[in-house]
């Protein structure tokens, strides 16, 4: 990642930094202040640092990602059954049964293999469940995953999705060691496209006339972000 010679630092899978760095220690971290594109990376050096990393890796400015709770399923399933939301997130408007929706969400968020899913919860008190997000299809060889995110209709437009995207993309590169994260989005979802762009995604092409809604064809916009692009995007100017 980045120009020049690079090295891989223990505890940060998939992260490369240039050789020239300045280090400082705080709360169990060794902060690697890079002279190139990537800044603010940390090498774990003790248990307190590991706790701090674990406590922060799934937390953004407005939302946190957490494991699914049984009581989340009714709300999340209700959103999965929302026909209006399906038109923006699916190639067909067909509501599943509540039991099927609950089973599918529970499977997405079981986190017992390479497919990972989380509930999205607001940070402010009281915490409110606003959606779910996941990284799917990751395999060790290619280190590529597809991202999926869904918010309850009443929570759209409040910055939760943008913040959740930043958190899950950071997690994918920092904790999962991914090289590439990809997604597909409808062209009539400009707010979603803007949120993805803010997380570093770029359009790389379109599946032409691949979705049929309301009597006409629509493209699917294909977007992705690579690890070095994400690092450059998040680095302080």
Protein backbone atom coordinates (compact mmCIF):
# COMPACT_ATOMS: atom_id res chain seq x y z
CA UNK A 1 0.00 0.00 0.00
CA UNK A 2 1.31 3.40 -0.92
CA UNK A 3 4.45 4.28 -2.79
CA UNK A 4 7.92 3.00 -2.10
CA UNK A 5 8.94 0.03 -0.01
CA UNK A 6 6.40 -1.25 2.48
CA UNK A 7 6.28 -3.55 5.48
CA UNK A 8 3.44 -5.40 7.25
CA UNK A 9 3.01 -4.68 10.95
CA UNK A 10 1.97 -7.43 13.35
CA UNK A 11 -1.61 -7.12 14.60
CA UNK A 12 -2.85 -5.19 11.59
CA UNK A 13 -3.77 -7.72 8.88
CA UNK A 14 -3.58 -6.32 5.40
CA UNK A 15 -2.14 -2.97 6.48
CA UNK A 16 1.08 -1.77 4.90
CA UNK A 17 2.98 1.38 5.78
CA UNK A 18 6.01 3.01 4.32
CA UNK A 19 9.30 2.42 6.09
CA UNK A 20 9.68 5.98 7.35
CA UNK A 21 7.49 6.41 10.46
CA UNK A 22 7.42 8.25 13.72
CA UNK A 23 6.11 6.37 16.77
CA UNK A 24 4.49 7.38 20.01
CA UNK A 25 2.90 5.26 22.73
CA UNK A 26 -0.39 5.76 24.52
CA UNK A 27 -2.84 3.37 26.18
CA UNK A 28 -1.12 0.27 24.88
CA UNK A 29 -0.87 1.43 21.28
CA UNK A 30 2.17 2.24 19.20
CA UNK A 31 0.88 4.95 16.87
CA UNK A 32 2.64 4.88 13.52
CA UNK A 33 2.66 8.37 12.08
CA UNK A 34 3.47 7.73 8.45
CA UNK A 35 5.36 10.15 6.27
CA UNK A 36 3.23 9.04 3.32
CA UNK A 37 -0.51 8.50 2.95
CA UNK A 38 -1.51 6.51 6.03
CA UNK A 39 -1.64 8.00 9.51
CA UNK A 40 -3.00 7.05 12.91
CA UNK A 41 -2.42 3.30 12.67
CA UNK A 42 -1.74 1.41 15.85
CA UNK A 43 0.28 -1.66 16.79
CA UNK A 44 -1.12 -3.45 19.84
CA UNK A 45 1.47 -3.73 22.59
CA UNK A 46 -0.49 -4.78 25.70
CA UNK A 47 -3.90 -5.94 26.94
CA UNK A 48 -5.16 -2.41 27.63
CA UNK A 49 -4.40 -1.53 24.05
CA UNK A 50 -6.23 -4.61 22.82
CA UNK A 51 -9.26 -3.65 24.92
CA UNK A 52 -9.17 -0.11 23.53
CA UNK A 53 -8.95 -1.39 19.96
CA UNK A 54 -11.80 -3.85 20.45
CA UNK A 55 -13.95 -1.20 22.13
CA UNK A 56 -13.44 1.28 19.28
CA UNK A 57 -13.30 -0.76 16.06
CA UNK A 58 -17.10 -1.03 15.70
CA UNK A 59 -17.96 2.47 16.92
CA UNK A 60 -18.44 5.54 14.75
CA UNK A 61 -19.47 9.11 15.44
CA UNK A 62 -23.22 8.45 15.43
CA UNK A 63 -23.68 4.68 15.48
CA UNK A 64 -22.09 1.49 16.75
CA UNK A 65 -22.22 -1.96 15.24
CA UNK A 66 -23.04 -4.83 17.62
CA UNK A 67 -24.07 -8.43 17.64
CA UNK A 68 -27.68 -9.29 16.88
CA UNK A 69 -30.06 -9.69 19.83
CA UNK A 70 -33.14 -11.87 19.78
CA UNK A 71 -35.33 -8.83 20.44
CA UNK A 72 -33.96 -7.14 17.28
CA UNK A 73 -35.47 -9.72 14.97
CA UNK A 74 -39.06 -8.46 14.94
CA UNK A 75 -38.01 -4.91 14.02
CA UNK A 76 -35.44 -5.96 11.42
CA UNK A 77 -37.84 -8.49 9.88
CA UNK A 78 -40.49 -5.77 9.61
CA UNK A 79 -38.06 -3.65 7.60
CA UNK A 80 -37.16 -6.63 5.41
CA UNK A 81 -40.87 -6.97 4.65
CA UNK A 82 -41.26 -3.28 3.67
CA UNK A 83 -42.14 -3.24 -0.07
CA UNK A 84 -41.03 0.37 -0.47
CA UNK A 85 -37.57 -0.38 0.84
CA UNK A 86 -37.33 -3.45 -1.41
CA UNK A 87 -37.57 -1.26 -4.50
CA UNK A 88 -34.26 0.39 -3.56
CA UNK A 89 -32.43 -2.66 -2.22
CA UNK A 90 -33.64 -5.62 -4.26
CA UNK A 91 -34.32 -6.62 -7.85
CA UNK A 92 -37.89 -7.53 -6.98
CA UNK A 93 -40.63 -6.30 -4.68
CA UNK A 94 -41.72 -9.51 -2.96
CA UNK A 95 -42.23 -9.49 0.80
CA UNK A 96 -40.96 -12.60 2.63
CA UNK A 97 -42.90 -14.12 5.47
CA UNK A 98 -41.96 -12.84 8.93
CA UNK A 99 -40.53 -16.22 9.90
CA UNK A 100 -38.43 -16.39 6.71
CA UNK A 101 -37.17 -12.83 7.25
CA UNK A 102 -36.20 -13.58 10.84
CA UNK A 103 -34.42 -16.77 9.85
CA UNK A 104 -32.50 -15.03 7.08
CA UNK A 105 -31.41 -12.13 9.30
CA UNK A 106 -30.35 -14.50 12.09
CA UNK A 107 -28.26 -16.45 9.59
CA UNK A 108 -26.66 -13.26 8.23
CA UNK A 109 -25.69 -12.15 11.72
CA UNK A 110 -24.68 -15.52 13.22
CA UNK A 111 -21.01 -14.62 12.57
CA UNK A 112 -19.88 -18.23 12.67
CA UNK A 113 -18.03 -18.16 9.32
CA UNK A 114 -16.56 -15.66 6.85
CA UNK A 115 -19.92 -13.88 6.36
CA UNK A 116 -20.34 -11.21 9.04
CA UNK A 117 -23.40 -9.19 9.99
CA UNK A 118 -24.13 -6.61 12.68
CA UNK A 119 -27.03 -4.62 14.05
CA UNK A 120 -26.67 -0.83 13.71
CA UNK A 121 -27.47 1.06 16.91
CA UNK A 122 -27.34 4.78 17.69
CA UNK A 123 -24.81 5.95 20.24
CA UNK A 124 -26.98 8.53 21.98
CA UNK A 125 -29.03 7.51 25.01
CA UNK A 126 -31.40 5.78 24.66
CA UNK A 127 -29.80 3.58 22.00
CA UNK A 128 -32.08 2.92 19.04
CA UNK A 129 -31.83 0.07 16.52
CA UNK A 130 -31.74 1.69 13.07
CA UNK A 131 -30.67 -1.09 10.69
CA UNK A 132 -28.18 -3.83 9.93
CA UNK A 133 -25.01 -4.17 7.85
CA UNK A 134 -22.75 -7.00 6.77
CA UNK A 135 -19.77 -8.15 4.74
CA UNK A 136 -20.42 -11.31 2.75
CA UNK A 137 -18.53 -13.74 0.55
CA UNK A 138 -15.06 -13.01 1.92
CA UNK A 139 -12.53 -15.71 1.12
CA UNK A 140 -8.85 -15.86 2.16
CA UNK A 141 -7.49 -16.18 -1.38
CA UNK A 142 -9.01 -13.06 -2.93
CA UNK A 143 -9.67 -11.03 0.26
CA UNK A 144 -12.77 -9.51 -1.32
CA UNK A 145 -16.20 -9.07 0.29
CA UNK A 146 -19.56 -7.66 -0.76
CA UNK A 147 -21.17 -5.14 1.55
CA UNK A 148 -24.88 -4.98 2.31
CA UNK A 149 -26.64 -2.35 4.42
CA UNK A 150 -30.26 -1.64 5.24
CA UNK A 151 -31.88 1.03 7.41
CA UNK A 152 -35.43 1.33 8.61
CA UNK A 153 -37.25 3.80 6.38
CA UNK A 154 -37.81 6.20 9.30
CA UNK A 155 -34.06 6.37 9.98
CA UNK A 156 -32.92 7.25 6.44
CA UNK A 157 -31.46 10.71 5.83
CA UNK A 158 -30.08 11.24 9.34
CA UNK A 159 -26.46 10.31 8.70
CA UNK A 160 -26.68 6.85 10.27
CA UNK A 161 -26.03 4.99 7.04
CA UNK A 162 -23.03 7.10 6.12
CA UNK A 163 -21.49 6.59 9.56
CA UNK A 164 -22.22 2.85 9.53
CA UNK A 165 -20.54 2.56 6.12
CA UNK A 166 -17.39 4.19 7.46
CA UNK A 167 -17.36 1.80 10.42
CA UNK A 168 -17.92 -1.41 8.46
CA UNK A 169 -15.38 -0.47 5.77
CA UNK A 170 -12.78 0.36 8.45
CA UNK A 171 -13.56 -2.98 10.08
CA UNK A 172 -13.21 -4.86 6.79
CA UNK A 173 -9.73 -3.52 6.14
CA UNK A 174 -8.42 -3.23 9.70
CA UNK A 175 -9.76 -6.43 11.25
CA UNK A 176 -10.59 -8.75 8.34
CA UNK A 177 -7.51 -7.88 6.27
CA UNK A 178 -9.58 -7.39 3.10
CA UNK A 179 -8.11 -6.01 -0.10
CA UNK A 180 -11.38 -5.08 -1.81
CA UNK A 181 -14.94 -4.28 -0.72
CA UNK A 182 -17.66 -4.07 -3.36
CA UNK A 183 -21.38 -3.35 -3.70
CA UNK A 184 -24.17 -2.75 -6.18
CA UNK A 185 -26.65 0.12 -5.91
CA UNK A 186 -29.62 1.32 -7.94
CA UNK A 187 -29.04 4.52 -9.96
CA UNK A 188 -32.24 5.98 -8.49
CA UNK A 189 -30.70 5.86 -4.99
CA UNK A 190 -28.46 8.96 -5.18
CA UNK A 191 -28.37 9.38 -1.40
CA UNK A 192 -26.98 5.87 -1.05
CA UNK A 193 -24.41 6.51 -3.77
CA UNK A 194 -23.27 9.68 -1.97
CA UNK A 195 -22.92 7.76 1.30
CA UNK A 196 -20.79 5.12 -0.42
CA UNK A 197 -18.63 7.78 -2.06
CA UNK A 198 -18.04 9.37 1.35
CA UNK A 199 -16.72 6.00 2.53
CA UNK A 200 -14.26 5.93 -0.36
CA UNK A 201 -16.18 3.88 -2.95
CA UNK A 202 -15.87 4.70 -6.63
CA UNK A 203 -18.06 3.65 -9.55
CA UNK A 204 -16.29 1.05 -11.66
CA UNK A 205 -19.04 0.15 -14.12
CA UNK A 206 -22.69 -0.81 -14.56
CA UNK A 207 -24.68 -3.93 -15.15
CA UNK A 208 -26.80 -2.61 -17.98
CA UNK A 209 -30.56 -3.18 -17.89
CA UNK A 210 -30.22 -5.76 -15.12
CA UNK A 211 -33.18 -4.75 -12.91
CA UNK A 212 -36.82 -4.50 -13.97
CA UNK A 213 -39.12 -2.21 -11.95
CA UNK A 214 -42.41 -0.57 -12.90
CA UNK A 215 -42.31 -1.51 -16.55
CA UNK A 216 -38.76 -0.47 -17.41
CA UNK A 217 -35.13 -1.54 -17.10
CA UNK A 218 -32.55 -0.01 -14.79
CA UNK A 219 -28.81 -0.43 -14.51
CA UNK A 220 -27.03 -1.55 -11.38
CA UNK A 221 -24.17 0.74 -10.40
CA UNK A 222 -21.11 -1.29 -9.41
CA UNK A 223 -18.86 0.37 -6.82
CA UNK A 224 -15.78 -0.72 -4.90
CA UNK A 225 -12.98 0.49 -2.67
CA UNK A 226 -9.50 -1.05 -2.38
CA UNK A 227 -7.40 -1.08 0.76
CA UNK A 228 -4.89 1.52 -0.47
CA UNK A 229 -7.71 3.79 -1.71
CA UNK A 230 -9.41 3.56 1.68
CA UNK A 231 -6.14 4.39 3.44
CA UNK A 232 -5.58 7.44 1.26
CA UNK A 233 -9.22 8.50 1.69
CA UNK A 234 -9.06 8.39 5.50
CA UNK A 235 -5.58 9.90 5.87
CA UNK A 236 -5.48 13.49 7.22
CA UNK A 237 -4.59 16.04 4.59
